[in-house]
Amino acid sequence: MIDVISAIGDVAVVVSDGKKAAEWYREKLGFKIFSSEGHWITVGPHNATTVLHLCEGKLEPGNTGIGLIVDDVKKTYEELSKKGVSFTKKPADEGFGLYAMFKDIDGNEFWITPKE
């Protein structure tokens, strides 16, 4: 069996202010700020392969905020769809990169994003 998902890329942490939270993680924990583009703010240890996505506000119902890394979002979407995986968001780029979202049997939603 071929691994369709190669890694966990990010885990969402709900914060009241993304920029302030990023500075706190940098100053207090020594984390690196990997990205700070609009709502997409990620931090983690300097050699991290999995980062914290600092989400302002609340996650939508069902959204776990967990991002899974894949080689090709569209191909993975097609492969998982053939297996009966239910997608809540077809592959799209809404200004912060291509992604898709699927749900498990309990309605928990996961993101799939490409390797950078």
Protein backbone atom coordinates (compact mmCIF):
# COMPACT_ATOMS: atom_id res chain seq x y z
CA MET A 1 0.00 0.00 0.00
CA ILE A 2 1.28 3.45 -0.92
CA ASP A 3 1.23 6.09 1.80
CA VAL A 4 -1.01 8.87 0.53
CA ILE A 5 -0.34 11.07 3.56
CA SER A 6 3.33 11.54 4.39
CA ALA A 7 3.28 13.70 7.54
CA ILE A 8 1.30 15.85 9.94
CA GLY A 9 2.12 19.39 8.90
CA ASP A 10 0.36 21.54 11.45
CA VAL A 11 -1.97 21.50 14.42
CA ALA A 12 -4.26 24.45 15.11
CA VAL A 13 -4.20 26.29 18.41
CA VAL A 14 -6.99 28.83 18.95
CA VAL A 15 -5.63 32.22 20.08
CA SER A 16 -7.16 35.67 20.60
CA ASP A 17 -4.44 37.53 18.64
CA GLY A 18 -2.21 35.62 16.21
CA LYS A 19 0.63 38.13 16.03
CA LYS A 20 0.82 38.57 19.82
CA ALA A 21 0.67 34.81 20.31
CA ALA A 22 3.48 34.28 17.78
CA GLU A 23 5.66 36.74 19.67
CA TRP A 24 4.89 34.98 22.95
CA TYR A 25 5.94 31.61 21.50
CA ARG A 26 9.09 33.21 20.06
CA GLU A 27 10.08 35.11 23.20
CA LYS A 28 9.04 32.61 25.88
CA LEU A 29 9.65 29.24 24.18
CA GLY A 30 12.31 30.22 21.66
CA PHE A 31 10.12 29.08 18.75
CA LYS A 32 10.72 30.24 15.20
CA ILE A 33 7.94 32.08 13.38
CA PHE A 34 7.71 30.10 10.13
CA SER A 35 4.99 32.17 8.48
CA SER A 36 2.94 35.24 9.25
CA GLU A 37 0.74 35.93 6.25
CA GLY A 38 -2.73 37.16 7.11
CA HIS A 39 -4.45 34.53 9.24
CA TRP A 40 -1.77 31.92 8.40
CA ILE A 41 0.65 32.24 11.32
CA THR A 42 2.78 29.19 12.18
CA VAL A 43 5.40 28.67 14.87
CA GLY A 44 7.50 25.82 16.21
CA PRO A 45 10.94 24.68 17.26
CA HIS A 46 13.62 25.71 14.75
CA ASN A 47 13.97 22.21 13.22
CA ALA A 48 10.25 21.41 13.37
CA THR A 49 8.51 19.44 10.68
CA THR A 50 5.15 19.87 12.44
CA VAL A 51 4.18 23.41 13.44
CA LEU A 52 1.48 25.12 15.46
CA HIS A 53 -1.00 27.09 13.34
CA LEU A 54 -2.14 29.99 15.52
CA CYS A 55 -5.82 30.44 14.61
CA GLU A 56 -7.56 33.58 15.79
CA GLY A 57 -11.05 33.05 17.14
CA LYS A 58 -12.78 29.70 17.12
CA LEU A 59 -12.51 26.70 14.86
CA GLU A 60 -15.63 25.89 12.92
CA PRO A 61 -17.66 22.90 14.15
CA GLY A 62 -16.00 19.68 13.00
CA ASN A 63 -12.72 21.35 12.02
CA THR A 64 -9.88 19.69 13.94
CA GLY A 65 -7.35 22.20 12.63
CA ILE A 66 -5.02 19.29 11.87
CA GLY A 67 -3.18 19.56 8.55
CA LEU A 68 -1.86 16.48 6.78
CA ILE A 69 0.95 16.73 4.21
CA VAL A 70 0.60 15.05 0.82
CA ASP A 71 2.68 15.04 -2.36
CA ASP A 72 -0.18 16.15 -4.60
CA VAL A 73 -3.46 17.56 -3.23
CA LYS A 74 -5.53 16.91 -6.36
CA LYS A 75 -4.22 13.37 -6.83
CA THR A 76 -4.76 12.56 -3.15
CA TYR A 77 -8.28 14.00 -3.37
CA GLU A 78 -9.01 11.70 -6.32
CA GLU A 79 -7.49 8.62 -4.65
CA LEU A 80 -9.27 9.13 -1.33
CA SER A 81 -12.57 9.97 -3.04
CA LYS A 82 -12.39 6.64 -4.90
CA LYS A 83 -12.08 4.95 -1.49
CA GLY A 84 -15.26 6.62 -0.30
CA VAL A 85 -13.68 9.37 1.78
CA SER A 86 -16.12 12.28 2.09
CA PHE A 87 -14.63 15.69 1.28
CA THR A 88 -16.12 18.84 2.77
CA LYS A 89 -13.88 21.08 0.64
CA LYS A 90 -12.66 20.13 -2.82
CA PRO A 91 -9.12 21.20 -3.78
CA ALA A 92 -8.99 25.00 -3.92
CA ASP A 93 -6.59 27.89 -3.45
CA GLU A 94 -8.23 30.74 -1.57
CA GLY A 95 -5.14 32.92 -1.43
CA PHE A 96 -3.05 30.92 1.04
CA GLY A 97 -2.23 27.82 -0.98
CA LEU A 98 -3.94 24.77 -2.41
CA TYR A 99 -5.77 22.59 0.11
CA ALA A 100 -8.75 20.29 0.53
CA MET A 101 -10.68 19.06 3.57
CA PHE A 102 -12.17 15.66 4.34
CA LYS A 103 -14.10 14.23 7.25
CA ASP A 104 -13.79 10.96 9.10
CA ILE A 105 -16.73 8.76 10.05
CA ASP A 106 -17.48 10.94 13.09
CA GLY A 107 -17.46 14.22 11.16
CA ASN A 108 -13.99 15.36 12.27
CA GLU A 109 -12.46 17.42 9.46
CA PHE A 110 -8.81 17.31 8.41
CA TRP A 111 -6.88 19.48 5.96
CA ILE A 112 -4.61 18.13 3.23
CA THR A 113 -1.90 20.45 1.95
CA PRO A 114 1.12 19.94 -0.32
CA LYS A 115 4.74 19.64 0.75
CA GLU A 116 6.41 23.03 0.55
